[in-house]
């Protein structure tokens, strides 16, 4: 959803009275696994937040040299994932929460960010990302489930 608020407003608008609006956005852009890379960068998390597209491509090439394999190490695919705003909107979790909170004529049943496990990460890397302005919610927010009923 390039425009989260507009998409959610439209979902709420077209729902009939008593109808349910359901949306699940995952994974969040800032999550460790990034834009649907699965475990491709588990060895070096959050590359999309720490590096530009060239840096992520270089990291993928290094991973291949050390024997790691992933379909996501394809150079063209990585560049597209990193740069195409129609594939990934690069929104932070609070933007989903905020967009839902402003909807009219609905009763929110669920509007939250599900958090992934926070164990096993390099504390220095986390501190560096926080110093860049990322929050714990940004870094570990994985899924935004939203459920509402139209009045």
N, C-alpha and C. Protein backbone atom coordinates (compact mmCIF):
# COMPACT_ATOMS: atom_id res chain seq x y z
N UNK A 1 0.84 -1.18 0.00
CA UNK A 1 0.00 0.00 0.00
C UNK A 1 0.89 1.24 0.00
N UNK A 2 1.06 1.86 -1.13
CA UNK A 2 1.86 3.08 -1.14
C UNK A 2 1.30 4.18 -0.24
N UNK A 3 -0.03 4.29 -0.17
CA UNK A 3 -0.66 5.28 0.70
C UNK A 3 -1.54 4.52 1.69
N UNK A 4 -0.98 4.24 2.85
CA UNK A 4 -1.66 3.43 3.86
C UNK A 4 -3.01 4.04 4.24
N UNK A 5 -3.03 5.31 4.58
CA UNK A 5 -4.26 5.96 5.04
C UNK A 5 -5.35 5.90 3.98
N UNK A 6 -4.99 6.19 2.73
CA UNK A 6 -5.99 6.17 1.65
C UNK A 6 -6.55 4.76 1.44
N UNK A 7 -5.68 3.77 1.48
CA UNK A 7 -6.13 2.39 1.28
C UNK A 7 -7.07 1.94 2.40
N UNK A 8 -6.73 2.26 3.63
CA UNK A 8 -7.58 1.88 4.75
C UNK A 8 -8.89 2.66 4.76
N UNK A 9 -8.85 3.93 4.39
CA UNK A 9 -10.09 4.72 4.28
C UNK A 9 -11.02 4.09 3.24
N UNK A 10 -10.46 3.66 2.14
CA UNK A 10 -11.28 3.05 1.09
C UNK A 10 -11.86 1.72 1.56
N UNK A 11 -11.09 0.93 2.27
CA UNK A 11 -11.63 -0.33 2.82
C UNK A 11 -12.81 -0.05 3.73
N UNK A 12 -12.65 0.94 4.60
CA UNK A 12 -13.73 1.29 5.53
C UNK A 12 -14.94 1.86 4.77
N UNK A 13 -14.69 2.65 3.75
CA UNK A 13 -15.78 3.27 2.99
C UNK A 13 -16.64 2.23 2.29
N UNK A 14 -16.02 1.23 1.69
CA UNK A 14 -16.79 0.26 0.90
C UNK A 14 -17.41 -0.85 1.74
N UNK A 15 -17.03 -0.96 2.99
CA UNK A 15 -17.65 -1.97 3.85
C UNK A 15 -19.09 -1.57 4.14
N UNK A 16 -19.98 -2.53 4.14
CA UNK A 16 -21.37 -2.26 4.46
C UNK A 16 -21.52 -2.09 5.98
N UNK A 17 -22.61 -1.52 6.39
CA UNK A 17 -22.88 -1.36 7.81
C UNK A 17 -22.84 -2.73 8.49
N UNK A 18 -22.04 -2.86 9.53
CA UNK A 18 -21.87 -4.14 10.21
C UNK A 18 -20.81 -5.01 9.57
N UNK A 19 -20.29 -4.57 8.41
CA UNK A 19 -19.27 -5.35 7.71
C UNK A 19 -17.91 -5.24 8.40
N UNK A 20 -17.06 -6.19 8.10
CA UNK A 20 -15.74 -6.27 8.71
C UNK A 20 -14.67 -5.78 7.73
N UNK A 21 -13.77 -4.96 8.23
CA UNK A 21 -12.58 -4.54 7.48
C UNK A 21 -11.42 -5.31 8.08
N UNK A 22 -10.68 -6.01 7.23
CA UNK A 22 -9.54 -6.80 7.70
C UNK A 22 -8.33 -6.51 6.83
N UNK A 23 -7.24 -6.22 7.47
CA UNK A 23 -5.99 -5.98 6.75
C UNK A 23 -4.86 -6.57 7.57
N UNK A 24 -3.92 -7.22 6.89
CA UNK A 24 -2.72 -7.72 7.56
C UNK A 24 -1.54 -7.34 6.69
N UNK A 25 -0.69 -6.48 7.21
CA UNK A 25 0.50 -6.05 6.48
C UNK A 25 1.72 -6.72 7.11
N UNK A 26 2.47 -7.44 6.30
CA UNK A 26 3.66 -8.12 6.82
C UNK A 26 4.56 -8.53 5.66
N UNK A 27 5.84 -8.56 5.85
CA UNK A 27 6.51 -8.02 7.03
C UNK A 27 6.62 -6.51 6.92
N UNK A 28 6.71 -5.86 8.04
CA UNK A 28 6.92 -4.43 8.07
C UNK A 28 8.28 -4.13 7.44
N UNK A 29 8.42 -2.99 6.79
CA UNK A 29 9.65 -2.64 6.07
C UNK A 29 10.88 -2.70 6.98
N UNK A 30 10.78 -2.18 8.18
CA UNK A 30 11.95 -2.08 9.06
C UNK A 30 12.32 -3.39 9.76
N UNK A 31 11.50 -4.40 9.62
CA UNK A 31 11.76 -5.67 10.32
C UNK A 31 13.11 -6.25 9.90
N UNK A 32 13.67 -7.04 10.78
CA UNK A 32 14.96 -7.67 10.54
C UNK A 32 15.01 -8.34 9.17
N UNK A 33 13.95 -9.04 8.82
CA UNK A 33 13.94 -9.78 7.56
C UNK A 33 13.66 -8.90 6.36
N UNK A 34 13.29 -7.65 6.61
CA UNK A 34 13.11 -6.70 5.52
C UNK A 34 12.05 -7.10 4.52
N UNK A 35 12.25 -6.74 3.28
CA UNK A 35 11.22 -6.90 2.25
C UNK A 35 11.11 -8.33 1.71
N UNK A 36 10.53 -9.19 2.50
CA UNK A 36 10.24 -10.57 2.08
C UNK A 36 11.48 -11.36 1.68
N UNK A 37 12.57 -11.17 2.41
CA UNK A 37 13.79 -11.90 2.09
C UNK A 37 13.89 -13.24 2.81
N UNK A 38 12.89 -13.56 3.62
CA UNK A 38 12.98 -14.80 4.38
C UNK A 38 14.24 -14.78 5.23
N UNK A 39 15.02 -15.85 5.20
CA UNK A 39 16.24 -15.92 5.99
C UNK A 39 17.50 -15.53 5.24
N UNK A 40 17.35 -14.89 4.08
CA UNK A 40 18.51 -14.59 3.23
C UNK A 40 19.57 -13.78 3.95
N UNK A 41 19.17 -12.90 4.85
CA UNK A 41 20.14 -12.04 5.54
C UNK A 41 20.12 -12.24 7.05
N UNK A 42 19.72 -13.43 7.49
CA UNK A 42 19.74 -13.71 8.93
C UNK A 42 21.15 -13.56 9.51
N UNK A 43 22.15 -13.81 8.70
CA UNK A 43 23.54 -13.71 9.17
C UNK A 43 23.97 -12.26 9.36
N UNK A 44 23.23 -11.31 8.78
CA UNK A 44 23.59 -9.89 8.86
C UNK A 44 22.29 -9.08 8.73
N UNK A 45 21.49 -9.02 9.82
CA UNK A 45 20.14 -8.45 9.74
C UNK A 45 20.10 -6.96 9.45
N UNK A 46 18.95 -6.53 9.01
CA UNK A 46 18.61 -5.14 8.69
C UNK A 46 19.53 -4.51 7.64
N UNK A 47 19.97 -5.25 6.62
CA UNK A 47 20.85 -4.62 5.64
C UNK A 47 20.16 -3.47 4.90
N UNK A 48 18.85 -3.57 4.69
CA UNK A 48 18.10 -2.54 3.98
C UNK A 48 17.99 -1.24 4.77
N UNK A 49 18.24 -1.28 6.08
CA UNK A 49 18.24 -0.06 6.89
C UNK A 49 19.65 0.50 7.05
N UNK A 50 20.64 -0.36 6.94
CA UNK A 50 22.03 0.05 7.18
C UNK A 50 22.78 0.38 5.91
N UNK A 51 22.33 -0.18 4.78
CA UNK A 51 23.08 -0.08 3.53
C UNK A 51 22.20 0.44 2.40
N UNK A 52 22.83 0.98 1.36
CA UNK A 52 22.07 1.32 0.17
C UNK A 52 21.96 0.06 -0.71
N UNK A 53 21.33 0.19 -1.87
CA UNK A 53 21.12 -0.98 -2.74
C UNK A 53 22.44 -1.63 -3.12
N UNK A 54 23.46 -0.84 -3.45
CA UNK A 54 24.76 -1.42 -3.80
C UNK A 54 25.35 -2.20 -2.63
N UNK A 55 25.18 -1.69 -1.43
CA UNK A 55 25.70 -2.37 -0.24
C UNK A 55 25.00 -3.69 0.01
N UNK A 56 23.70 -3.73 -0.21
CA UNK A 56 22.95 -4.98 -0.02
C UNK A 56 23.35 -6.01 -1.07
N UNK A 57 23.55 -5.56 -2.30
CA UNK A 57 24.01 -6.46 -3.36
C UNK A 57 25.39 -7.02 -3.00
N UNK A 58 26.29 -6.16 -2.52
CA UNK A 58 27.62 -6.62 -2.12
C UNK A 58 27.53 -7.63 -0.97
N UNK A 59 26.65 -7.39 -0.02
CA UNK A 59 26.46 -8.32 1.09
C UNK A 59 25.97 -9.68 0.59
N UNK A 60 25.08 -9.66 -0.39
CA UNK A 60 24.58 -10.91 -0.98
C UNK A 60 25.70 -11.65 -1.69
N UNK A 61 26.53 -10.94 -2.41
CA UNK A 61 27.66 -11.59 -3.10
C UNK A 61 28.64 -12.20 -2.10
N UNK A 62 28.90 -11.48 -1.00
CA UNK A 62 29.77 -12.03 0.06
C UNK A 62 29.17 -13.29 0.65
N UNK A 63 27.86 -13.29 0.86
CA UNK A 63 27.19 -14.46 1.42
C UNK A 63 27.34 -15.66 0.48
N UNK A 64 27.20 -15.43 -0.81
CA UNK A 64 27.36 -16.52 -1.77
C UNK A 64 28.78 -17.08 -1.76
N UNK A 65 29.76 -16.20 -1.62
CA UNK A 65 31.16 -16.64 -1.59
C UNK A 65 31.41 -17.56 -0.40
N UNK A 66 30.72 -17.30 0.71
CA UNK A 66 30.90 -18.13 1.90
C UNK A 66 30.01 -19.36 1.89
N UNK A 67 29.30 -19.60 0.78
CA UNK A 67 28.51 -20.82 0.63
C UNK A 67 27.02 -20.68 0.94
N UNK A 68 26.59 -19.51 1.29
CA UNK A 68 25.15 -19.31 1.53
C UNK A 68 24.44 -19.24 0.18
N UNK A 69 23.21 -19.68 0.17
CA UNK A 69 22.42 -19.61 -1.05
C UNK A 69 21.04 -19.05 -0.74
N UNK A 70 20.51 -18.30 -1.67
CA UNK A 70 19.15 -17.78 -1.57
C UNK A 70 18.75 -17.25 -2.94
N UNK A 71 17.50 -17.46 -3.28
CA UNK A 71 16.96 -16.86 -4.51
C UNK A 71 16.99 -15.35 -4.43
N UNK A 72 17.02 -14.81 -3.21
CA UNK A 72 16.99 -13.36 -3.02
C UNK A 72 18.35 -12.70 -3.22
N UNK A 73 19.37 -13.47 -3.52
CA UNK A 73 20.68 -12.88 -3.79
C UNK A 73 20.81 -12.41 -5.23
N UNK A 74 19.78 -12.57 -6.03
CA UNK A 74 19.77 -12.10 -7.41
C UNK A 74 19.89 -10.58 -7.43
N UNK A 75 20.89 -10.06 -8.12
CA UNK A 75 21.19 -8.63 -8.14
C UNK A 75 20.00 -7.78 -8.57
N UNK A 76 19.37 -8.13 -9.67
CA UNK A 76 18.24 -7.34 -10.16
C UNK A 76 17.08 -7.33 -9.18
N UNK A 77 16.82 -8.49 -8.61
CA UNK A 77 15.73 -8.61 -7.65
C UNK A 77 16.00 -7.76 -6.41
N UNK A 78 17.23 -7.79 -5.92
CA UNK A 78 17.58 -6.99 -4.75
C UNK A 78 17.42 -5.51 -5.02
N UNK A 79 17.92 -5.08 -6.16
CA UNK A 79 17.80 -3.65 -6.50
C UNK A 79 16.33 -3.24 -6.59
N UNK A 80 15.51 -4.09 -7.19
CA UNK A 80 14.09 -3.78 -7.30
C UNK A 80 13.45 -3.70 -5.91
N UNK A 81 13.76 -4.66 -5.05
CA UNK A 81 13.21 -4.65 -3.70
C UNK A 81 13.63 -3.40 -2.93
N UNK A 82 14.84 -2.95 -3.16
CA UNK A 82 15.35 -1.81 -2.41
C UNK A 82 14.86 -0.46 -2.94
N UNK A 83 14.45 -0.40 -4.20
CA UNK A 83 14.19 0.90 -4.80
C UNK A 83 12.78 1.13 -5.34
N UNK A 84 11.97 0.10 -5.49
CA UNK A 84 10.65 0.26 -6.09
C UNK A 84 9.60 0.55 -5.02
N UNK A 85 9.11 1.79 -4.91
CA UNK A 85 8.14 2.13 -3.86
C UNK A 85 6.79 1.45 -4.05
N UNK A 86 6.52 0.91 -5.23
CA UNK A 86 5.27 0.19 -5.42
C UNK A 86 5.34 -1.22 -4.84
N UNK A 87 6.54 -1.72 -4.62
CA UNK A 87 6.68 -3.03 -3.97
C UNK A 87 6.68 -2.89 -2.45
N UNK A 88 7.37 -1.89 -1.96
CA UNK A 88 7.49 -1.70 -0.52
C UNK A 88 7.37 -0.21 -0.21
N UNK A 89 6.46 0.12 0.69
CA UNK A 89 6.18 1.52 0.95
C UNK A 89 7.13 2.14 1.97
N UNK A 90 7.97 1.36 2.59
CA UNK A 90 8.98 1.84 3.55
C UNK A 90 8.36 2.56 4.74
N UNK A 91 7.14 2.22 5.06
CA UNK A 91 6.46 2.85 6.19
C UNK A 91 6.84 2.15 7.49
N UNK A 92 6.83 2.94 8.54
CA UNK A 92 7.14 2.42 9.87
C UNK A 92 5.84 1.95 10.54
N UNK A 93 5.95 1.04 11.49
CA UNK A 93 4.75 0.47 12.11
C UNK A 93 3.77 1.50 12.67
N UNK A 94 4.27 2.54 13.32
CA UNK A 94 3.35 3.52 13.92
C UNK A 94 2.49 4.20 12.86
N UNK A 95 2.95 4.25 11.62
CA UNK A 95 2.15 4.88 10.57
C UNK A 95 0.90 4.06 10.27
N UNK A 96 1.00 2.74 10.36
CA UNK A 96 -0.17 1.88 10.20
C UNK A 96 -1.15 2.09 11.34
N UNK A 97 -0.61 2.10 12.57
CA UNK A 97 -1.47 2.32 13.74
C UNK A 97 -2.18 3.66 13.66
N UNK A 98 -1.43 4.70 13.31
CA UNK A 98 -1.99 6.05 13.23
C UNK A 98 -3.06 6.16 12.14
N UNK A 99 -2.81 5.55 10.99
CA UNK A 99 -3.77 5.62 9.89
C UNK A 99 -5.09 4.96 10.28
N UNK A 100 -5.02 3.87 10.99
CA UNK A 100 -6.24 3.17 11.41
C UNK A 100 -6.99 3.95 12.48
N UNK A 101 -6.26 4.59 13.36
CA UNK A 101 -6.87 5.32 14.46
C UNK A 101 -7.68 6.53 13.99
N UNK A 102 -7.43 7.00 12.78
CA UNK A 102 -8.14 8.18 12.28
C UNK A 102 -9.34 7.85 11.41
N UNK A 103 -9.65 6.58 11.23
CA UNK A 103 -10.78 6.20 10.37
C UNK A 103 -12.11 6.55 11.02
N UNK A 104 -13.06 6.99 10.20
CA UNK A 104 -14.39 7.37 10.68
C UNK A 104 -15.37 6.21 10.50
N UNK A 105 -16.41 6.20 11.33
CA UNK A 105 -17.55 5.29 11.20
C UNK A 105 -17.16 3.82 11.31
N UNK A 106 -16.15 3.53 12.11
CA UNK A 106 -15.78 2.14 12.35
C UNK A 106 -15.50 1.96 13.83
N UNK A 107 -15.67 0.74 14.28
CA UNK A 107 -15.25 0.34 15.63
C UNK A 107 -14.04 -0.56 15.45
N UNK A 108 -12.92 -0.14 15.99
CA UNK A 108 -11.69 -0.91 15.86
C UNK A 108 -11.72 -2.09 16.83
N UNK A 109 -11.55 -3.27 16.28
CA UNK A 109 -11.49 -4.49 17.09
C UNK A 109 -10.04 -4.89 17.37
N UNK A 110 -9.18 -4.58 16.42
CA UNK A 110 -7.76 -4.90 16.59
C UNK A 110 -6.94 -3.97 15.71
N UNK A 111 -5.97 -3.34 16.31
CA UNK A 111 -5.06 -2.45 15.59
C UNK A 111 -3.75 -2.48 16.37
N UNK A 112 -2.86 -3.36 15.99
CA UNK A 112 -1.64 -3.55 16.77
C UNK A 112 -0.48 -3.95 15.87
N UNK A 113 0.67 -3.93 16.43
CA UNK A 113 1.86 -4.43 15.75
C UNK A 113 2.33 -5.66 16.51
N UNK A 114 2.42 -6.77 15.81
CA UNK A 114 2.96 -7.97 16.41
C UNK A 114 4.48 -7.90 16.34
N UNK A 115 5.12 -8.23 17.44
CA UNK A 115 6.56 -8.08 17.59
C UNK A 115 7.25 -9.43 17.47
N UNK A 116 8.36 -9.46 16.74
CA UNK A 116 9.13 -10.70 16.66
C UNK A 116 10.07 -10.80 17.86
N UNK A 117 10.62 -11.97 18.09
CA UNK A 117 11.54 -12.20 19.20
C UNK A 117 12.72 -11.25 19.11
N UNK A 118 13.15 -10.75 20.25
CA UNK A 118 14.22 -9.76 20.28
C UNK A 118 15.53 -10.34 20.78
N UNK A 119 15.68 -11.62 20.78
CA UNK A 119 16.91 -12.25 21.27
C UNK A 119 17.88 -12.53 20.13
N UNK A 120 19.15 -12.59 20.46
CA UNK A 120 20.16 -13.03 19.51
C UNK A 120 20.67 -11.98 18.54
N UNK A 121 20.50 -10.72 18.84
CA UNK A 121 20.97 -9.68 17.94
C UNK A 121 22.16 -8.95 18.54
N UNK A 122 23.01 -8.49 17.70
CA UNK A 122 24.20 -7.75 18.11
C UNK A 122 23.78 -6.42 18.74
N UNK A 123 24.07 -6.23 20.03
CA UNK A 123 23.66 -4.98 20.69
C UNK A 123 24.25 -3.74 20.03
N UNK A 124 25.46 -3.83 19.51
CA UNK A 124 26.07 -2.67 18.86
C UNK A 124 25.29 -2.29 17.60
N UNK A 125 24.83 -3.29 16.85
CA UNK A 125 24.04 -3.01 15.64
C UNK A 125 22.72 -2.36 16.03
N UNK A 126 22.09 -2.86 17.08
CA UNK A 126 20.83 -2.27 17.53
C UNK A 126 21.04 -0.83 17.98
N UNK A 127 22.10 -0.57 18.73
CA UNK A 127 22.38 0.79 19.17
C UNK A 127 22.60 1.72 17.97
N UNK A 128 23.31 1.25 16.97
CA UNK A 128 23.57 2.06 15.78
C UNK A 128 22.26 2.38 15.05
N UNK A 129 21.36 1.42 14.95
CA UNK A 129 20.09 1.67 14.28
C UNK A 129 19.21 2.62 15.10
N UNK A 130 19.22 2.47 16.40
CA UNK A 130 18.46 3.39 17.26
C UNK A 130 19.05 4.81 17.14
N UNK A 131 20.37 4.90 17.04
CA UNK A 131 21.01 6.21 16.87
C UNK A 131 20.60 6.86 15.54
N UNK A 132 20.22 6.04 14.56
CA UNK A 132 19.74 6.57 13.27
C UNK A 132 18.26 6.96 13.33
N UNK A 133 17.62 6.72 14.46
CA UNK A 133 16.23 7.12 14.62
C UNK A 133 15.21 6.00 14.60
N UNK A 134 15.66 4.77 14.46
CA UNK A 134 14.72 3.63 14.47
C UNK A 134 14.37 3.29 15.91
N UNK A 135 13.12 2.90 16.13
CA UNK A 135 12.66 2.51 17.45
C UNK A 135 12.63 0.99 17.57
N UNK A 136 12.45 0.52 18.79
CA UNK A 136 12.29 -0.92 19.00
C UNK A 136 11.09 -1.44 18.21
N UNK A 137 10.01 -0.65 18.20
CA UNK A 137 8.83 -1.05 17.42
C UNK A 137 9.18 -1.16 15.94
N UNK A 138 9.96 -0.22 15.42
CA UNK A 138 10.38 -0.28 14.03
C UNK A 138 11.16 -1.56 13.76
N UNK A 139 12.14 -1.84 14.60
CA UNK A 139 13.09 -2.91 14.34
C UNK A 139 12.53 -4.31 14.58
N UNK A 140 11.57 -4.43 15.47
CA UNK A 140 11.03 -5.74 15.79
C UNK A 140 9.56 -5.90 15.45
N UNK A 141 8.92 -4.85 14.96
CA UNK A 141 7.53 -4.95 14.53
C UNK A 141 7.47 -5.77 13.25
N UNK A 142 6.71 -6.82 13.26
CA UNK A 142 6.71 -7.74 12.13
C UNK A 142 5.43 -7.69 11.31
N UNK A 143 4.28 -7.61 11.98
CA UNK A 143 3.00 -7.69 11.28
C UNK A 143 2.02 -6.68 11.88
N UNK A 144 1.23 -6.07 11.01
CA UNK A 144 0.16 -5.18 11.47
C UNK A 144 -1.18 -5.81 11.13
N UNK A 145 -1.84 -6.45 12.11
CA UNK A 145 -3.20 -6.91 11.89
C UNK A 145 -4.18 -5.80 12.27
N UNK A 146 -5.13 -5.56 11.40
CA UNK A 146 -6.17 -4.56 11.64
C UNK A 146 -7.53 -5.18 11.34
N UNK A 147 -8.40 -5.10 12.33
CA UNK A 147 -9.77 -5.61 12.17
C UNK A 147 -10.71 -4.56 12.73
N UNK A 148 -11.73 -4.22 11.97
CA UNK A 148 -12.70 -3.22 12.41
C UNK A 148 -14.08 -3.59 11.87
N UNK A 149 -15.10 -3.06 12.51
CA UNK A 149 -16.48 -3.26 12.05
C UNK A 149 -17.04 -1.89 11.66
N UNK A 150 -17.66 -1.86 10.50
CA UNK A 150 -18.28 -0.62 10.02
C UNK A 150 -19.55 -0.37 10.79
N UNK A 151 -19.73 0.86 11.24
CA UNK A 151 -20.96 1.22 11.98
C UNK A 151 -22.14 1.31 11.04
